[in-house]
Amino acid sequence: MARPIHFELQSHDVAKARKFYEELFGWKFQQFGEHQYWLAMTGQGPGIDGGLMPSNGLQNWVCTMDVENLDVHIEKVSAAGGTIVVPKMPIPGVGWLAYAKDLDGNIFGMMQNDTGAA
């Protein structure tokens, strides 16, 4: 069963968004390498961590599911009537990621862990 493992937020002003979530929830942010992407650490205990990035036109929260085999799940998306909106891509040192839309247009991610992804 695929479970949510990561969320993403988008903002037109990342600095203001970071300050907002830091002050509101006490989250901590750390830039991911040289990328325009900040890891959001939400605290200890139950829950998931996420990321913050500049907006690409979407203004929503995107959850990413942990899957054992991304290629199989990409095929399952199409078979179930969904669409792949961002094809499989490597996240170096982390794994393989793709984004899809469900039947209502909601975007979600699917991640296959693979520290050798490049």
PDB file of N, CA and C in Angstrom:
ATOM      1  N   MET A   1       0.846  -1.168   0.000  1.00  0.00           N
ATOM      2  CA  MET A   1       0.000   0.000   0.000  1.00  0.00           C
ATOM      3  C   MET A   1       0.894   1.235   0.000  1.00  0.00           C
ATOM      4  N   ALA A   2       0.624   2.180  -0.888  1.00  0.00           N
ATOM      5  CA  ALA A   2       1.418   3.415  -0.983  1.00  0.00           C
ATOM      6  C   ALA A   2       0.933   4.427   0.049  1.00  0.00           C
ATOM      7  N   ARG A   3       1.880   4.976   0.824  1.00  0.00           N
ATOM      8  CA  ARG A   3       1.551   5.947   1.865  1.00  0.00           C
ATOM      9  C   ARG A   3       2.195   7.280   1.554  1.00  0.00           C
ATOM     10  N   PRO A   4       1.562   8.389   1.966  1.00  0.00           N
ATOM     11  CA  PRO A   4       2.199   9.700   1.786  1.00  0.00           C
ATOM     12  C   PRO A   4       3.513   9.768   2.562  1.00  0.00           C
ATOM     13  N   ILE A   5       4.549  10.264   1.893  1.00  0.00           N
ATOM     14  CA  ILE A   5       5.861  10.374   2.527  1.00  0.00           C
ATOM     15  C   ILE A   5       6.431  11.782   2.462  1.00  0.00           C
ATOM     16  N   HIS A   6       5.803  12.679   1.692  1.00  0.00           N
ATOM     17  CA  HIS A   6       6.380  13.998   1.463  1.00  0.00           C
ATOM     18  C   HIS A   6       5.284  14.909   0.922  1.00  0.00           C
ATOM     19  N   PHE A   7       5.321  16.183   1.279  1.00  0.00           N
ATOM     20  CA  PHE A   7       4.411  17.155   0.679  1.00  0.00           C
ATOM     21  C   PHE A   7       5.233  18.287   0.088  1.00  0.00           C
ATOM     22  N   GLU A   8       4.621  19.022  -0.837  1.00  0.00           N
ATOM     23  CA  GLU A   8       5.274  20.191  -1.415  1.00  0.00           C
ATOM     24  C   GLU A   8       4.310  21.362  -1.430  1.00  0.00           C
ATOM     25  N   LEU A   9       4.862  22.526  -1.138  1.00  0.00           N
ATOM     26  CA  LEU A   9       4.150  23.791  -1.221  1.00  0.00           C
ATOM     27  C   LEU A   9       4.827  24.652  -2.272  1.00  0.00           C
ATOM     28  N   GLN A  10       4.056  25.487  -2.932  1.00  0.00           N
ATOM     29  CA  GLN A  10       4.618  26.424  -3.892  1.00  0.00           C
ATOM     30  C   GLN A  10       4.266  27.832  -3.464  1.00  0.00           C
ATOM     31  N   SER A  11       5.155  28.776  -3.751  1.00  0.00           N
ATOM     32  CA  SER A  11       4.928  30.153  -3.344  1.00  0.00           C
ATOM     33  C   SER A  11       5.506  31.112  -4.378  1.00  0.00           C
ATOM     34  N   HIS A  12       4.834  32.253  -4.538  1.00  0.00           N
ATOM     35  CA  HIS A  12       5.365  33.316  -5.396  1.00  0.00           C
ATOM     36  C   HIS A  12       6.478  34.073  -4.685  1.00  0.00           C
ATOM     37  N   ASP A  13       6.544  33.956  -3.358  1.00  0.00           N
ATOM     38  CA  ASP A  13       7.589  34.595  -2.556  1.00  0.00           C
ATOM     39  C   ASP A  13       8.038  33.600  -1.490  1.00  0.00           C
ATOM     40  N   VAL A  14       9.048  32.811  -1.833  1.00  0.00           N
ATOM     41  CA  VAL A  14       9.508  31.726  -0.967  1.00  0.00           C
ATOM     42  C   VAL A  14       9.976  32.254   0.385  1.00  0.00           C
ATOM     43  N   ALA A  15      10.673  33.385   0.415  1.00  0.00           N
ATOM     44  CA  ALA A  15      11.166  33.923   1.687  1.00  0.00           C
ATOM     45  C   ALA A  15      10.006  34.245   2.625  1.00  0.00           C
ATOM     46  N   LYS A  16       8.965  34.870   2.105  1.00  0.00           N
ATOM     47  CA  LYS A  16       7.795  35.187   2.931  1.00  0.00           C
ATOM     48  C   LYS A  16       7.079  33.918   3.376  1.00  0.00           C
ATOM     49  N   ALA A  17       6.989  32.937   2.498  1.00  0.00           N
ATOM     50  CA  ALA A  17       6.327  31.680   2.846  1.00  0.00           C
ATOM     51  C   ALA A  17       7.105  30.952   3.937  1.00  0.00           C
ATOM     52  N   ARG A  18       8.431  30.939   3.824  1.00  0.00           N
ATOM     53  CA  ARG A  18       9.241  30.299   4.860  1.00  0.00           C
ATOM     54  C   ARG A  18       8.994  30.964   6.203  1.00  0.00           C
ATOM     55  N   LYS A  19       9.028  32.288   6.227  1.00  0.00           N
ATOM     56  CA  LYS A  19       8.802  33.026   7.473  1.00  0.00           C
ATOM     57  C   LYS A  19       7.407  32.720   8.029  1.00  0.00           C
ATOM     58  N   PHE A  20       6.410  32.680   7.159  1.00  0.00           N
ATOM     59  CA  PHE A  20       5.034  32.393   7.575  1.00  0.00           C
ATOM     60  C   PHE A  20       4.951  31.053   8.302  1.00  0.00           C
ATOM     61  N   TYR A  21       5.470  29.980   7.683  1.00  0.00           N
ATOM     62  CA  TYR A  21       5.378  28.643   8.273  1.00  0.00           C
ATOM     63  C   TYR A  21       6.296  28.478   9.479  1.00  0.00           C
ATOM     64  N   GLU A  22       7.437  29.177   9.475  1.00  0.00           N
ATOM     65  CA  GLU A  22       8.310  29.153  10.653  1.00  0.00           C
ATOM     66  C   GLU A  22       7.592  29.751  11.857  1.00  0.00           C
ATOM     67  N   GLU A  23       6.958  30.912  11.651  1.00  0.00           N
ATOM     68  CA  GLU A  23       6.270  31.590  12.749  1.00  0.00           C
ATOM     69  C   GLU A  23       4.981  30.874  13.143  1.00  0.00           C
ATOM     70  N   LEU A  24       4.247  30.360  12.168  1.00  0.00           N
ATOM     71  CA  LEU A  24       2.964  29.732  12.444  1.00  0.00           C
ATOM     72  C   LEU A  24       3.112  28.370  13.122  1.00  0.00           C
ATOM     73  N   PHE A  25       3.969  27.514  12.570  1.00  0.00           N
ATOM     74  CA  PHE A  25       4.071  26.137  13.047  1.00  0.00           C
ATOM     75  C   PHE A  25       5.421  25.776  13.664  1.00  0.00           C
ATOM     76  N   GLY A  26       6.404  26.672  13.577  1.00  0.00           N
ATOM     77  CA  GLY A  26       7.731  26.360  14.087  1.00  0.00           C
ATOM     78  C   GLY A  26       8.556  25.475  13.175  1.00  0.00           C
ATOM     79  N   TRP A  27       8.150  25.360  11.903  1.00  0.00           N
ATOM     80  CA  TRP A  27       8.892  24.533  10.963  1.00  0.00           C
ATOM     81  C   TRP A  27      10.278  25.121  10.730  1.00  0.00           C
ATOM     82  N   LYS A  28      11.228  24.264  10.354  1.00  0.00           N
ATOM     83  CA  LYS A  28      12.579  24.666   9.988  1.00  0.00           C
ATOM     84  C   LYS A  28      12.773  24.368   8.504  1.00  0.00           C
ATOM     85  N   PHE A  29      13.533  25.218   7.819  1.00  0.00           N
ATOM     86  CA  PHE A  29      13.775  25.049   6.387  1.00  0.00           C
ATOM     87  C   PHE A  29      15.266  24.989   6.110  1.00  0.00           C
ATOM     88  N   GLN A  30      15.630  24.145   5.136  1.00  0.00           N
ATOM     89  CA  GLN A  30      17.017  24.015   4.712  1.00  0.00           C
ATOM     90  C   GLN A  30      17.038  23.870   3.202  1.00  0.00           C
ATOM     91  N   GLN A  31      17.849  24.692   2.533  1.00  0.00           N
ATOM     92  CA  GLN A  31      17.934  24.609   1.080  1.00  0.00           C
ATOM     93  C   GLN A  31      18.518  23.266   0.667  1.00  0.00           C
ATOM     94  N   PHE A  32      17.947  22.673  -0.393  1.00  0.00           N
ATOM     95  CA  PHE A  32      18.389  21.384  -0.920  1.00  0.00           C
ATOM     96  C   PHE A  32      19.460  21.648  -1.971  1.00  0.00           C
ATOM     97  N   GLY A  33      20.724  21.503  -1.574  1.00  0.00           N
ATOM     98  CA  GLY A  33      21.840  21.755  -2.485  1.00  0.00           C
ATOM     99  C   GLY A  33      21.795  23.169  -3.018  1.00  0.00           C
ATOM    100  N   GLU A  34      21.999  23.308  -4.320  1.00  0.00           N
ATOM    101  CA  GLU A  34      21.958  24.613  -4.982  1.00  0.00           C
ATOM    102  C   GLU A  34      20.601  24.884  -5.635  1.00  0.00           C
ATOM    103  N   HIS A  35      19.671  23.961  -5.437  1.00  0.00           N
ATOM    104  CA  HIS A  35      18.364  24.055  -6.083  1.00  0.00           C
ATOM    105  C   HIS A  35      17.498  25.120  -5.432  1.00  0.00           C
ATOM    106  N   GLN A  36      16.540  25.634  -6.166  1.00  0.00           N
ATOM    107  CA  GLN A  36      15.542  26.552  -5.635  1.00  0.00           C
ATOM    108  C   GLN A  36      14.460  25.718  -4.948  1.00  0.00           C
ATOM    109  N   TYR A  37      14.867  25.025  -3.897  1.00  0.00           N
ATOM    110  CA  TYR A  37      14.003  24.085  -3.194  1.00  0.00           C
ATOM    111  C   TYR A  37      14.469  24.018  -1.746  1.00  0.00           C
ATOM    112  N   TRP A  38      13.533  24.172  -0.822  1.00  0.00           N
ATOM    113  CA  TRP A  38      13.849  24.146   0.598  1.00  0.00           C
ATOM    114  C   TRP A  38      13.116  22.992   1.262  1.00  0.00           C
ATOM    115  N   LEU A  39      13.851  22.139   1.975  1.00  0.00           N
ATOM    116  CA  LEU A  39      13.240  21.060   2.733  1.00  0.00           C
ATOM    117  C   LEU A  39      12.543  21.662   3.951  1.00  0.00           C
ATOM    118  N   ALA A  40      11.332  21.218   4.207  1.00  0.00           N
ATOM    119  CA  ALA A  40      10.556  21.679   5.355  1.00  0.00           C
ATOM    120  C   ALA A  40      10.552  20.579   6.405  1.00  0.00           C
ATOM    121  N   MET A  41      11.159  20.853   7.539  1.00  0.00           N
ATOM    122  CA  MET A  41      11.198  19.890   8.634  1.00  0.00           C
ATOM    123  C   MET A  41      10.117  20.291   9.634  1.00  0.00           C
ATOM    124  N   THR A  42       9.125  19.429   9.774  1.00  0.00           N
ATOM    125  CA  THR A  42       7.922  19.783  10.524  1.00  0.00           C
ATOM    126  C   THR A  42       7.954  19.353  11.987  1.00  0.00           C
ATOM    127  N   GLY A  43       8.983  18.638  12.422  1.00  0.00           N
ATOM    128  CA  GLY A  43       9.094  18.277  13.830  1.00  0.00           C
ATOM    129  C   GLY A  43       9.189  16.787  14.060  1.00  0.00           C
ATOM    130  N   GLN A  44       9.197  16.409  15.331  1.00  0.00           N
ATOM    131  CA  GLN A  44       9.326  15.011  15.745  1.00  0.00           C
ATOM    132  C   GLN A  44       7.948  14.362  15.849  1.00  0.00           C
ATOM    133  N   GLY A  45       7.926  13.034  15.866  1.00  0.00           N
ATOM    134  CA  GLY A  45       6.678  12.305  16.062  1.00  0.00           C
ATOM    135  C   GLY A  45       5.957  12.032  14.755  1.00  0.00           C
ATOM    136  N   PRO A  46       4.692  11.621  14.838  1.00  0.00           N
ATOM    137  CA  PRO A  46       3.915  11.286  13.638  1.00  0.00           C
ATOM    138  C   PRO A  46       3.809  12.471  12.679  1.00  0.00           C
ATOM    139  N   GLY A  47       3.789  12.175  11.415  1.00  0.00           N
ATOM    140  CA  GLY A  47       3.670  13.207  10.397  1.00  0.00           C
ATOM    141  C   GLY A  47       4.743  13.053   9.341  1.00  0.00           C
ATOM    142  N   ILE A  48       4.722  13.942   8.369  1.00  0.00           N
ATOM    143  CA  ILE A  48       5.698  13.895   7.289  1.00  0.00           C
ATOM    144  C   ILE A  48       6.345  15.259   7.119  1.00  0.00           C
ATOM    145  N   ASP A  49       7.516  15.263   6.534  1.00  0.00           N
ATOM    146  CA  ASP A  49       8.205  16.494   6.186  1.00  0.00           C
ATOM    147  C   ASP A  49       7.906  16.814   4.730  1.00  0.00           C
ATOM    148  N   GLY A  50       8.333  17.980   4.295  1.00  0.00           N
ATOM    149  CA  GLY A  50       8.002  18.378   2.940  1.00  0.00           C
ATOM    150  C   GLY A  50       9.034  19.284   2.321  1.00  0.00           C
ATOM    151  N   GLY A  51       8.555  20.057   1.339  1.00  0.00           N
ATOM    152  CA  GLY A  51       9.411  20.970   0.621  1.00  0.00           C
ATOM    153  C   GLY A  51       8.655  22.211   0.207  1.00  0.00           C
ATOM    154  N   LEU A  52       9.421  23.267  -0.061  1.00  0.00           N
ATOM    155  CA  LEU A  52       8.881  24.551  -0.502  1.00  0.00           C
ATOM    156  C   LEU A  52       9.670  24.989  -1.716  1.00  0.00           C
ATOM    157  N   MET A  53       8.971  25.441  -2.755  1.00  0.00           N
ATOM    158  CA  MET A  53       9.654  25.848  -3.978  1.00  0.00           C
ATOM    159  C   MET A  53       8.919  27.019  -4.617  1.00  0.00           C
ATOM    160  N   PRO A  54       9.599  27.729  -5.525  1.00  0.00           N
ATOM    161  CA  PRO A  54       8.913  28.799  -6.244  1.00  0.00           C
ATOM    162  C   PRO A  54       7.738  28.239  -7.041  1.00  0.00           C
ATOM    163  N   SER A  55       6.694  29.028  -7.157  1.00  0.00           N
ATOM    164  CA  SER A  55       5.482  28.589  -7.853  1.00  0.00           C
ATOM    165  C   SER A  55       5.744  28.349  -9.327  1.00  0.00           C
ATOM    166  N   ASN A  56       5.138  27.285  -9.841  1.00  0.00           N
ATOM    167  CA  ASN A  56       5.173  27.023 -11.281  1.00  0.00           C
ATOM    168  C   ASN A  56       3.769  27.189 -11.854  1.00  0.00           C
ATOM    169  N   GLY A  57       2.952  27.976 -11.165  1.00  0.00           N
ATOM    170  CA  GLY A  57       1.588  28.221 -11.613  1.00  0.00           C
ATOM    171  C   GLY A  57       0.550  27.469 -10.807  1.00  0.00           C
ATOM    172  N   LEU A  58       0.982  26.478 -10.049  1.00  0.00           N
ATOM    173  CA  LEU A  58       0.059  25.726  -9.211  1.00  0.00           C
ATOM    174  C   LEU A  58       0.062  26.334  -7.815  1.00  0.00           C
ATOM    175  N   GLN A  59      -1.068  26.451  -7.232  1.00  0.00           N
ATOM    176  CA  GLN A  59      -1.157  26.962  -5.871  1.00  0.00           C
ATOM    177  C   GLN A  59      -1.888  25.928  -5.034  1.00  0.00           C
ATOM    178  N   ASN A  60      -1.231  24.842  -4.773  1.00  0.00           N
ATOM    179  CA  ASN A  60      -1.822  23.791  -3.963  1.00  0.00           C
ATOM    180  C   ASN A  60      -0.733  23.018  -3.251  1.00  0.00           C
ATOM    181  N   TRP A  61      -1.149  22.137  -2.373  1.00  0.00           N
ATOM    182  CA  TRP A  61      -0.227  21.230  -1.702  1.00  0.00           C
ATOM    183  C   TRP A  61      -0.205  19.942  -2.504  1.00  0.00           C
ATOM    184  N   VAL A  62       0.967  19.410  -2.742  1.00  0.00           N
ATOM    185  CA  VAL A  62       1.111  18.155  -3.472  1.00  0.00           C
ATOM    186  C   VAL A  62       1.694  17.119  -2.519  1.00  0.00           C
ATOM    187  N   CYS A  63       1.006  15.984  -2.377  1.00  0.00           N
ATOM    188  CA  CYS A  63       1.523  14.880  -1.567  1.00  0.00           C
ATOM    189  C   CYS A  63       2.179  13.860  -2.486  1.00  0.00           C
ATOM    190  N   THR A  64       3.261  13.281  -2.008  1.00  0.00           N
ATOM    191  CA  THR A  64       3.984  12.254  -2.755  1.00  0.00           C
ATOM    192  C   THR A  64       3.866  10.930  -2.010  1.00  0.00           C
ATOM    193  N   MET A  65       3.543   9.873  -2.776  1.00  0.00           N
ATOM    194  CA  MET A  65       3.381   8.534  -2.216  1.00  0.00           C
ATOM    195  C   MET A  65       4.645   7.711  -2.443  1.00  0.00           C
ATOM    196  N   ASP A  66       4.967   6.887  -1.468  1.00  0.00           N
ATOM    197  CA  ASP A  66       6.073   5.946  -1.565  1.00  0.00           C
ATOM    198  C   ASP A  66       5.596   4.726  -2.344  1.00  0.00           C
ATOM    199  N   VAL A  67       6.265   4.406  -3.461  1.00  0.00           N
ATOM    200  CA  VAL A  67       5.899   3.225  -4.246  1.00  0.00           C
ATOM    201  C   VAL A  67       7.135   2.340  -4.427  1.00  0.00           C
ATOM    202  N   GLU A  68       6.888   1.050  -4.539  1.00  0.00           N
ATOM    203  CA  GLU A  68       7.990   0.093  -4.686  1.00  0.00           C
ATOM    204  C   GLU A  68       8.579   0.127  -6.089  1.00  0.00           C
ATOM    205  N   ASN A  69       7.719   0.302  -7.117  1.00  0.00           N
ATOM    206  CA  ASN A  69       8.163   0.292  -8.503  1.00  0.00           C
ATOM    207  C   ASN A  69       7.460   1.419  -9.252  1.00  0.00           C
ATOM    208  N   LEU A  70       8.186   2.497  -9.518  1.00  0.00           N
ATOM    209  CA  LEU A  70       7.588   3.672 -10.151  1.00  0.00           C
ATOM    210  C   LEU A  70       7.071   3.360 -11.547  1.00  0.00           C
ATOM    211  N   ASP A  71       7.796   2.588 -12.326  1.00  0.00           N
ATOM    212  CA  ASP A  71       7.353   2.274 -13.688  1.00  0.00           C
ATOM    213  C   ASP A  71       5.994   1.567 -13.680  1.00  0.00           C
ATOM    214  N   VAL A  72       5.798   0.635 -12.773  1.00  0.00           N
ATOM    215  CA  VAL A  72       4.521  -0.074 -12.665  1.00  0.00           C
ATOM    216  C   VAL A  72       3.411   0.908 -12.296  1.00  0.00           C
ATOM    217  N   HIS A  73       3.686   1.813 -11.353  1.00  0.00           N
ATOM    218  CA  HIS A  73       2.657   2.761 -10.931  1.00  0.00           C
ATOM    219  C   HIS A  73       2.350   3.800 -12.010  1.00  0.00           C
ATOM    220  N   ILE A  74       3.321   4.149 -12.815  1.00  0.00           N
ATOM    221  CA  ILE A  74       3.057   5.050 -13.947  1.00  0.00           C
ATOM    222  C   ILE A  74       2.062   4.383 -14.891  1.00  0.00           C
ATOM    223  N   GLU A  75       2.248   3.099 -15.165  1.00  0.00           N
ATOM    224  CA  GLU A  75       1.301   2.362 -16.007  1.00  0.00           C
ATOM    225  C   GLU A  75      -0.076   2.285 -15.346  1.00  0.00           C
ATOM    226  N   LYS A  76      -0.111   2.089 -14.034  1.00  0.00           N
ATOM    227  CA  LYS A  76      -1.380   2.006 -13.314  1.00  0.00           C
ATOM    228  C   LYS A  76      -2.157   3.320 -13.374  1.00  0.00           C
ATOM    229  N   VAL A  77      -1.451   4.449 -13.358  1.00  0.00           N
ATOM    230  CA  VAL A  77      -2.124   5.756 -13.454  1.00  0.00           C
ATOM    231  C   VAL A  77      -2.927   5.821 -14.738  1.00  0.00           C
ATOM    232  N   SER A  78      -2.298   5.517 -15.850  1.00  0.00           N
ATOM    233  CA  SER A  78      -2.988   5.564 -17.147  1.00  0.00           C
ATOM    234  C   SER A  78      -4.131   4.562 -17.205  1.00  0.00           C
ATOM    235  N   ALA A  79      -3.896   3.359 -16.709  1.00  0.00           N
ATOM    236  CA  ALA A  79      -4.937   2.323 -16.737  1.00  0.00           C
ATOM    237  C   ALA A  79      -6.151   2.716 -15.906  1.00  0.00           C
ATOM    238  N   ALA A  80      -5.936   3.507 -14.856  1.00  0.00           N
ATOM    239  CA  ALA A  80      -7.027   3.921 -13.979  1.00  0.00           C
ATOM    240  C   ALA A  80      -7.717   5.200 -14.465  1.00  0.00           C
ATOM    241  N   GLY A  81      -7.217   5.783 -15.577  1.00  0.00           N
ATOM    242  CA  GLY A  81      -7.844   6.972 -16.138  1.00  0.00           C
ATOM    243  C   GLY A  81      -7.165   8.279 -15.792  1.00  0.00           C
ATOM    244  N   GLY A  82      -6.053   8.217 -15.052  1.00  0.00           N
ATOM    245  CA  GLY A  82      -5.295   9.420 -14.722  1.00  0.00           C
ATOM    246  C   GLY A  82      -4.290   9.747 -15.813  1.00  0.00           C
ATOM    247  N   THR A  83      -3.535  10.809 -15.601  1.00  0.00           N
ATOM    248  CA  THR A  83      -2.523  11.218 -16.577  1.00  0.00           C
ATOM    249  C   THR A  83      -1.215  11.561 -15.865  1.00  0.00           C
ATOM    250  N   ILE A  84      -0.116  11.257 -16.518  1.00  0.00           N
ATOM    251  CA  ILE A  84       1.202  11.643 -16.013  1.00  0.00           C
ATOM    252  C   ILE A  84       1.456  13.072 -16.495  1.00  0.00           C
ATOM    253  N   VAL A  85       1.768  13.969 -15.558  1.00  0.00           N
ATOM    254  CA  VAL A  85       1.995  15.369 -15.925  1.00  0.00           C
ATOM    255  C   VAL A  85       3.473  15.755 -15.886  1.00  0.00           C
ATOM    256  N   VAL A  86       4.273  15.037 -15.108  1.00  0.00           N
ATOM    257  CA  VAL A  86       5.731  15.201 -15.121  1.00  0.00           C
ATOM    258  C   VAL A  86       6.307  13.798 -15.170  1.00  0.00           C
ATOM    259  N   PRO A  87       7.009  13.460 -16.268  1.00  0.00           N
ATOM    260  CA  PRO A  87       7.520  12.097 -16.407  1.00  0.00           C
ATOM    261  C   PRO A  87       8.578  11.754 -15.366  1.00  0.00           C
ATOM    262  N   LYS A  88       8.876  10.480 -15.289  1.00  0.00           N
ATOM    263  CA  LYS A  88       9.877   9.956 -14.348  1.00  0.00           C
ATOM    264  C   LYS A  88      11.178  10.740 -14.474  1.00  0.00           C
ATOM    265  N   MET A  89      11.685  11.163 -13.313  1.00  0.00           N
ATOM    266  CA  MET A  89      12.946  11.908 -13.292  1.00  0.00           C
ATOM    267  C   MET A  89      13.730  11.518 -12.048  1.00  0.00           C
ATOM    268  N   PRO A  90      15.064  11.615 -12.128  1.00  0.00           N
ATOM    269  CA  PRO A  90      15.862  11.271 -10.949  1.00  0.00           C
ATOM    270  C   PRO A  90      15.923  12.431  -9.961  1.00  0.00           C
ATOM    271  N   ILE A  91      15.917  12.107  -8.694  1.00  0.00           N
ATOM    272  CA  ILE A  91      16.271  13.043  -7.633  1.00  0.00           C
ATOM    273  C   ILE A  91      17.577  12.462  -7.084  1.00  0.00           C
ATOM    274  N   PRO A  92      18.729  13.026  -7.497  1.00  0.00           N
ATOM    275  CA  PRO A  92      20.024  12.412  -7.185  1.00  0.00           C
ATOM    276  C   PRO A  92      20.192  12.093  -5.702  1.00  0.00           C
ATOM    277  N   GLY A  93      20.597  10.846  -5.457  1.00  0.00           N
ATOM    278  CA  GLY A  93      20.839  10.382  -4.105  1.00  0.00           C
ATOM    279  C   GLY A  93      19.585  10.032  -3.316  1.00  0.00           C
ATOM    280  N   VAL A  94      18.405  10.238  -3.917  1.00  0.00           N
ATOM    281  CA  VAL A  94      17.141   9.999  -3.214  1.00  0.00           C
ATOM    282  C   VAL A  94      16.323   8.911  -3.901  1.00  0.00           C
ATOM    283  N   GLY A  95      15.998   9.130  -5.174  1.00  0.00           N
ATOM    284  CA  GLY A  95      15.171   8.156  -5.878  1.00  0.00           C
ATOM    285  C   GLY A  95      14.602   8.699  -7.171  1.00  0.00           C
ATOM    286  N   TRP A  96      13.546   8.055  -7.640  1.00  0.00           N
ATOM    287  CA  TRP A  96      12.885   8.407  -8.895  1.00  0.00           C
ATOM    288  C   TRP A  96      11.500   8.972  -8.585  1.00  0.00           C
ATOM    289  N   LEU A  97      11.123  10.052  -9.292  1.00  0.00           N
ATOM    290  CA  LEU A  97       9.898  10.780  -8.996  1.00  0.00           C
ATOM    291  C   LEU A  97       9.119  11.048 -10.278  1.00  0.00           C
ATOM    292  N   ALA A  98       7.807  10.968 -10.199  1.00  0.00           N
ATOM    293  CA  ALA A  98       6.914  11.381 -11.289  1.00  0.00           C
ATOM    294  C   ALA A  98       5.686  12.013 -10.652  1.00  0.00           C
ATOM    295  N   TYR A  99       5.035  12.911 -11.398  1.00  0.00           N
ATOM    296  CA  TYR A  99       3.804  13.542 -10.940  1.00  0.00           C
ATOM    297  C   TYR A  99       2.666  13.143 -11.869  1.00  0.00           C
ATOM    298  N   ALA A 100       1.486  12.992 -11.276  1.00  0.00           N
ATOM    299  CA  ALA A 100       0.308  12.581 -12.049  1.00  0.00           C
ATOM    300  C   ALA A 100      -0.907  13.398 -11.607  1.00  0.00           C
ATOM    301  N   LYS A 101      -1.962  13.335 -12.440  1.00  0.00           N
ATOM    302  CA  LYS A 101      -3.261  13.916 -12.088  1.00  0.00           C
ATOM    303  C   LYS A 101      -4.254  12.785 -11.940  1.00  0.00           C
ATOM    304  N   ASP A 102      -5.126  12.910 -10.917  1.00  0.00           N
ATOM    305  CA  ASP A 102      -6.197  11.931 -10.763  1.00  0.00           C
ATOM    306  C   ASP A 102      -7.380  12.328 -11.642  1.00  0.00           C
ATOM    307  N   LEU A 103      -8.495  11.668 -11.483  1.00  0.00           N
ATOM    308  CA  LEU A 103      -9.670  11.907 -12.334  1.00  0.00           C
ATOM    309  C   LEU A 103     -10.264  13.300 -12.155  1.00  0.00           C
ATOM    310  N   ASP A 104      -9.988  13.954 -11.016  1.00  0.00           N
ATOM    311  CA  ASP A 104     -10.503  15.299 -10.752  1.00  0.00           C
ATOM    312  C   ASP A 104      -9.472  16.381 -11.012  1.00  0.00           C
ATOM    313  N   GLY A 105      -8.303  16.005 -11.499  1.00  0.00           N
ATOM    314  CA  GLY A 105      -7.259  16.980 -11.783  1.00  0.00           C
ATOM    315  C   GLY A 105      -6.332  17.268 -10.618  1.00  0.00           C
ATOM    316  N   ASN A 106      -6.475  16.541  -9.510  1.00  0.00           N
ATOM    317  CA  ASN A 106      -5.570  16.710  -8.375  1.00  0.00           C
ATOM    318  C   ASN A 106      -4.208  16.131  -8.718  1.00  0.00           C
ATOM    319  N   ILE A 107      -3.160  16.885  -8.430  1.00  0.00           N
ATOM    320  CA  ILE A 107      -1.798  16.434  -8.727  1.00  0.00           C
ATOM    321  C   ILE A 107      -1.221  15.733  -7.504  1.00  0.00           C
ATOM    322  N   PHE A 108      -0.529  14.618  -7.748  1.00  0.00           N
ATOM    323  CA  PHE A 108       0.164  13.894  -6.692  1.00  0.00           C
ATOM    324  C   PHE A 108       1.476  13.365  -7.248  1.00  0.00           C
ATOM    325  N   GLY A 109       2.417  13.096  -6.344  1.00  0.00           N
ATOM    326  CA  GLY A 109       3.701  12.549  -6.732  1.00  0.00           C
ATOM    327  C   GLY A 109       3.807  11.087  -6.345  1.00  0.00           C
ATOM    328  N   MET A 110       4.715  10.392  -7.013  1.00  0.00           N
ATOM    329  CA  MET A 110       5.039   9.003  -6.695  1.00  0.00           C
ATOM    330  C   MET A 110       6.559   8.896  -6.677  1.00  0.00           C
ATOM    331  N   MET A 111       7.111   8.351  -5.592  1.00  0.00           N
ATOM    332  CA  MET A 111       8.561   8.268  -5.416  1.00  0.00           C
ATOM    333  C   MET A 111       8.984   6.835  -5.162  1.00  0.00           C
ATOM    334  N   GLN A 112       9.977   6.392  -5.938  1.00  0.00           N
ATOM    335  CA  GLN A 112      10.624   5.096  -5.707  1.00  0.00           C
ATOM    336  C   GLN A 112      11.993   5.380  -5.121  1.00  0.00           C
ATOM    337  N   ASN A 113      12.252   4.905  -3.917  1.00  0.00           N
ATOM    338  CA  ASN A 113      13.552   5.132  -3.273  1.00  0.00           C
ATOM    339  C   ASN A 113      14.642   4.422  -4.061  1.00  0.00           C
ATOM    340  N   ASP A 114      15.746   5.143  -4.309  1.00  0.00           N
ATOM    341  CA  ASP A 114      16.898   4.578  -4.983  1.00  0.00           C
ATOM    342  C   ASP A 114      18.048   5.572  -4.803  1.00  0.00           C
ATOM    343  N   THR A 115      18.903   5.325  -3.816  1.00  0.00           N
ATOM    344  CA  THR A 115      19.996   6.267  -3.545  1.00  0.00           C
ATOM    345  C   THR A 115      20.985   6.363  -4.711  1.00  0.00           C
ATOM    346  N   GLY A 116      20.906   5.431  -5.668  1.00  0.00           N
ATOM    347  CA  GLY A 116      21.774   5.486  -6.838  1.00  0.00           C
ATOM    348  C   GLY A 116      21.192   6.291  -7.997  1.00  0.00           C
ATOM    349  N   ALA A 117      20.005   6.846  -7.816  1.00  0.00           N
ATOM    350  CA  ALA A 117      19.387   7.634  -8.903  1.00  0.00           C
ATOM    351  C   ALA A 117      20.260   8.835  -9.240  1.00  0.00           C
ATOM    352  N   ALA A 118      20.439   9.059 -10.540  1.00  0.00           N
ATOM    353  CA  ALA A 118      21.259  10.206 -10.981  1.00  0.00           C
ATOM    354  C   ALA A 118      20.753  10.712 -12.317  1.00  0.00           C
TER     355      ALA A 118
END
